C-alpha cells in the first residue's frame, strides 16, 4: 500500500470552526453526485462505498480517520478497463509535524490522505487552480457483474493547525468513474495508453 496525500472520494466536505476555537470537520455524503463516464457500446459502471457511515464522519478533528472504500462495479455487458478520477482540493495552510509537534511553514496541502491499494495504478496528476486531479487505473480487466477492489479503505484528515480551516470553507471532492471496452488496445498496452484511447473517444478525436 502507498499513501497518497490527496483527498477523500465521494464526499462533500464542509469545515466549521467551533466557538471554543477547536476546528471540527463535518463530512457529508452526496447521493447521486457520482458521474459515470462511459464509452459507446455495452459499457456501464456503478460506484459504491459500502463502508461509508455518515454518523462516523461528523465532528472530526485533525488526524481523524473515516472508513471509506470506493469500488466500481461492471453493470454492463462487456469486459472493461476501469479508471477512477479524483479531484483533490488543495489549500495553502500550516500543518503540525507529527514527529516534532511543531508548526510547519504554510504550503499548498491536500486536506486528506489515503493509502492506494496495489490493485490500482496512478496514471496521472494535474494541478488545476485549487485542486489536483488524479487518475487511477485498475490493473485487471473487469468482467460483467464483477467489481474492483476498493481504491482505498479510509481517509485521514490532515493534521492542520487550529484556525487554518474556517467556517466559510466548503470543499467539493468529486470522483468520476470511467470505463472502456477491453479490446480498444493491443494486448500488453499500458493503462496510460488505454486511458488515452478513452479520452480520444470522449473528445471525438483520434490520437
Protein backbone atom coordinates (compact mmCIF):
# COMPACT_ATOMS: atom_id res chain seq x y z
CA UNK A 1 0.00 0.00 0.00
CA UNK A 2 1.25 3.54 -0.71
CA UNK A 3 -0.05 6.74 0.82
CA UNK A 4 -1.25 9.49 -1.46
CA UNK A 5 -1.54 12.98 0.02
CA UNK A 6 -4.88 13.51 -1.63
CA UNK A 7 -8.46 13.99 -0.70
CA UNK A 8 -11.33 11.65 0.07
CA UNK A 9 -13.60 10.35 -2.65
CA UNK A 10 -17.38 10.63 -2.88
CA UNK A 11 -17.60 13.33 -0.21
CA UNK A 12 -18.84 16.84 0.13
CA UNK A 13 -16.69 18.33 2.89
CA UNK A 14 -17.50 21.36 5.00
CA UNK A 15 -15.25 22.65 7.74
CA UNK A 16 -16.57 24.65 10.68
CA UNK A 17 -14.82 26.49 13.50
CA UNK A 18 -16.45 25.80 16.85
CA UNK A 19 -16.92 28.61 19.38
CA UNK A 20 -14.28 27.01 21.61
CA UNK A 21 -11.64 27.57 18.93
CA UNK A 22 -11.27 23.88 18.12
CA UNK A 23 -11.86 23.32 14.42
CA UNK A 24 -14.10 20.37 13.55
CA UNK A 25 -14.64 18.87 10.12
CA UNK A 26 -18.00 17.52 9.05
CA UNK A 27 -18.17 15.17 6.09
CA UNK A 28 -21.46 14.64 4.31
CA UNK A 29 -22.33 12.11 1.66
CA UNK A 30 -23.54 13.39 -1.71
CA UNK A 31 -26.05 10.81 -3.05
CA UNK A 32 -26.44 10.72 -6.81
CA UNK A 33 -23.46 13.08 -7.18
CA UNK A 34 -21.20 10.48 -8.77
CA UNK A 35 -20.91 10.68 -12.53
CA UNK A 36 -20.48 7.54 -14.63
CA UNK A 37 -18.46 8.32 -17.72
CA UNK A 38 -18.90 5.61 -20.33
CA UNK A 39 -17.82 4.91 -23.86
CA UNK A 40 -20.24 3.90 -26.66
CA UNK A 41 -21.26 0.26 -26.61
CA UNK A 42 -22.43 -2.14 -23.94
CA UNK A 43 -20.40 -0.45 -21.21
CA UNK A 44 -21.77 0.72 -17.88
CA UNK A 45 -20.41 1.05 -14.35
CA UNK A 46 -21.62 1.84 -10.86
CA UNK A 47 -19.75 3.38 -7.93
CA UNK A 48 -20.35 2.20 -4.36
CA UNK A 49 -18.72 2.60 -0.95
CA UNK A 50 -20.33 0.15 1.50
CA UNK A 51 -18.12 1.14 4.43
CA UNK A 52 -19.36 4.74 4.38
CA UNK A 53 -21.29 5.60 7.55
CA UNK A 54 -22.36 9.27 7.73
CA UNK A 55 -22.55 9.18 11.52
CA UNK A 56 -18.83 8.37 11.67
CA UNK A 57 -17.92 11.41 9.60
CA UNK A 58 -19.04 14.22 11.90
CA UNK A 59 -17.17 16.24 14.49
CA UNK A 60 -13.78 15.27 13.11
CA UNK A 61 -10.55 16.70 14.48
CA UNK A 62 -7.11 16.88 12.80
CA UNK A 63 -5.82 13.39 12.08
CA UNK A 64 -9.25 11.72 12.22
CA UNK A 65 -9.71 8.54 10.15
CA UNK A 66 -13.00 7.81 8.38
CA UNK A 67 -13.79 4.40 6.78
CA UNK A 68 -14.46 4.80 3.05
CA UNK A 69 -13.95 2.22 0.31
CA UNK A 70 -14.90 3.47 -3.20
CA UNK A 71 -15.46 0.49 -5.51
CA UNK A 72 -16.55 0.26 -9.14
CA UNK A 73 -18.88 -2.47 -10.45
CA UNK A 74 -19.24 -3.54 -14.08
CA UNK A 75 -23.00 -3.37 -14.66
CA UNK A 76 -22.71 -3.59 -18.44
CA UNK A 77 -22.33 -6.47 -20.86
CA UNK A 78 -18.70 -6.08 -21.96
CA UNK A 79 -15.33 -6.78 -20.38
CA UNK A 80 -13.89 -3.40 -19.42
CA UNK A 81 -10.97 -1.45 -18.05
CA UNK A 82 -11.98 0.86 -15.18
CA UNK A 83 -10.48 4.19 -14.12
CA UNK A 84 -11.24 6.44 -11.16
CA UNK A 85 -10.65 10.18 -11.43
CA UNK A 86 -10.24 12.02 -8.12
CA UNK A 87 -10.29 15.80 -7.88
CA UNK A 88 -8.35 16.78 -4.77
CA UNK A 89 -8.95 20.15 -3.07
CA UNK A 90 -5.79 21.96 -2.01
CA UNK A 91 -5.41 24.84 0.46
CA UNK A 92 -2.44 26.96 1.47
CA UNK A 93 -2.32 26.16 5.19
CA UNK A 94 0.04 25.27 8.02
CA UNK A 95 0.13 21.77 9.48
CA UNK A 96 1.65 20.28 12.61
CA UNK A 97 4.64 17.98 12.17
CA UNK A 98 3.63 14.61 13.71
CA UNK A 99 7.18 13.95 14.97
CA UNK A 100 8.14 17.35 16.40
CA UNK A 101 4.58 18.58 17.08
CA UNK A 102 5.70 21.94 15.76
CA UNK A 103 4.08 24.16 13.18
CA UNK A 104 5.31 23.72 9.61
CA UNK A 105 5.59 26.68 7.21
CA UNK A 106 2.39 27.27 5.25
CA UNK A 107 2.24 25.38 1.96
CA UNK A 108 -0.26 24.00 -0.55
CA UNK A 109 -1.67 20.94 1.22
CA UNK A 110 -4.15 18.23 0.24
CA UNK A 111 -6.65 18.12 3.09
CA UNK A 112 -6.94 14.32 3.21
CA UNK A 113 -4.62 11.39 2.64
CA UNK A 114 -5.35 7.77 1.80
CA UNK A 115 -3.43 4.58 1.00
CA UNK A 116 -4.00 3.34 -2.54
CA UNK A 117 -4.47 -0.42 -2.96
CA UNK A 118 -1.89 -2.31 -5.03
CA UNK A 119 -4.64 -3.27 -7.50
CA UNK A 120 -4.69 0.35 -8.70
CA UNK A 121 -2.06 2.27 -10.65
CA UNK A 122 -1.76 6.03 -10.65
CA UNK A 123 -1.74 7.20 -14.25
CA UNK A 124 -1.54 10.97 -13.97
CA UNK A 125 -1.83 14.02 -11.75
CA UNK A 126 -2.52 17.59 -12.80
CA UNK A 127 -2.77 20.75 -10.72
CA UNK A 128 -5.81 22.82 -11.73
CA UNK A 129 -6.38 26.02 -9.72
CA UNK A 130 -7.25 24.93 -6.16
CA UNK A 131 -7.20 21.19 -6.74
CA UNK A 132 -5.13 18.33 -8.12
CA UNK A 133 -6.78 15.87 -10.47
CA UNK A 134 -5.55 12.29 -10.09
CA UNK A 135 -6.38 9.38 -12.41
CA UNK A 136 -6.07 5.76 -11.24
CA UNK A 137 -6.43 2.70 -13.44
CA UNK A 138 -7.41 -0.79 -12.28
CA UNK A 139 -4.75 -3.35 -13.19
CA UNK A 140 -7.17 -6.10 -14.22
CA UNK A 141 -9.97 -6.40 -16.76
CA UNK A 142 -13.37 -6.45 -15.04
CA UNK A 143 -15.99 -8.81 -16.45
CA UNK A 144 -19.75 -8.16 -16.32
CA UNK A 145 -21.02 -8.46 -12.75
CA UNK A 146 -17.54 -8.21 -11.24
CA UNK A 147 -16.17 -5.35 -9.19
CA UNK A 148 -12.83 -3.76 -8.47
CA UNK A 149 -11.05 -3.80 -5.16
CA UNK A 150 -11.61 -0.53 -3.29
CA UNK A 151 -9.29 2.28 -4.33
CA UNK A 152 -8.66 2.81 -0.62
CA UNK A 153 -10.22 1.74 2.68
CA UNK A 154 -10.29 5.00 4.66
CA UNK A 155 -9.37 8.67 4.54
CA UNK A 156 -7.34 10.66 7.07
CA UNK A 157 -7.82 14.34 7.78
CA UNK A 158 -4.55 16.28 7.60
CA UNK A 159 -3.06 17.36 10.93
CA UNK A 160 -3.80 21.02 10.27
CA UNK A 161 -3.08 23.88 12.65
CA UNK A 162 -6.15 25.09 14.51
CA UNK A 163 -7.68 28.11 12.84
CA UNK A 164 -6.31 27.30 9.39
CA UNK A 165 -9.70 25.99 8.25
CA UNK A 166 -12.65 28.24 8.92
CA UNK A 167 -16.44 28.16 8.81
CA UNK A 168 -16.59 29.55 5.29
CA UNK A 169 -14.55 26.68 3.84
CA UNK A 170 -16.84 24.45 1.78
CA UNK A 171 -14.99 21.88 -0.31
CA UNK A 172 -16.26 19.60 -3.04
CA UNK A 173 -14.28 16.40 -3.59
CA UNK A 174 -15.70 14.75 -6.72
CA UNK A 175 -14.79 11.33 -8.08
CA UNK A 176 -15.76 10.06 -11.51
CA UNK A 177 -15.55 6.55 -12.89
CA UNK A 178 -14.52 5.93 -16.49
CA UNK A 179 -14.78 2.65 -18.39
CA UNK A 180 -13.63 1.47 -21.80
CA UNK A 181 -14.01 -1.88 -23.55
CA UNK A 182 -11.11 -4.27 -23.12
CA UNK A 183 -10.25 -4.60 -26.82
CA UNK A 184 -9.55 -0.93 -27.57
CA UNK A 185 -5.78 -1.53 -27.46
CA UNK A 186 -3.49 -4.38 -28.43
CA UNK A 187 -2.61 -6.91 -25.70
CA UNK A 188 0.13 -5.61 -23.43
CA UNK A 189 -0.84 -1.95 -23.73
CA UNK A 190 -0.25 0.12 -20.61
CA UNK A 191 -3.10 1.54 -18.56
CA UNK A 192 -1.96 5.01 -19.60
CA UNK A 193 -2.31 4.04 -23.28
CA UNK A 194 -5.76 2.56 -22.66
CA UNK A 195 -6.89 5.67 -20.82
CA UNK A 196 -5.56 7.81 -23.66
CA UNK A 197 -7.85 5.91 -26.04
CA UNK A 198 -10.77 6.54 -23.70
CA UNK A 199 -10.01 10.27 -23.71
CA UNK A 200 -9.84 10.25 -27.50
CA UNK A 201 -13.25 8.59 -27.70
CA UNK A 202 -14.71 11.09 -25.27
CA UNK A 203 -13.35 14.06 -27.20
CA UNK A 204 -14.17 12.57 -30.60
CA UNK A 205 -10.57 12.89 -31.77
CA UNK A 206 -8.03 10.39 -32.96
CA UNK A 207 -4.70 10.03 -31.15
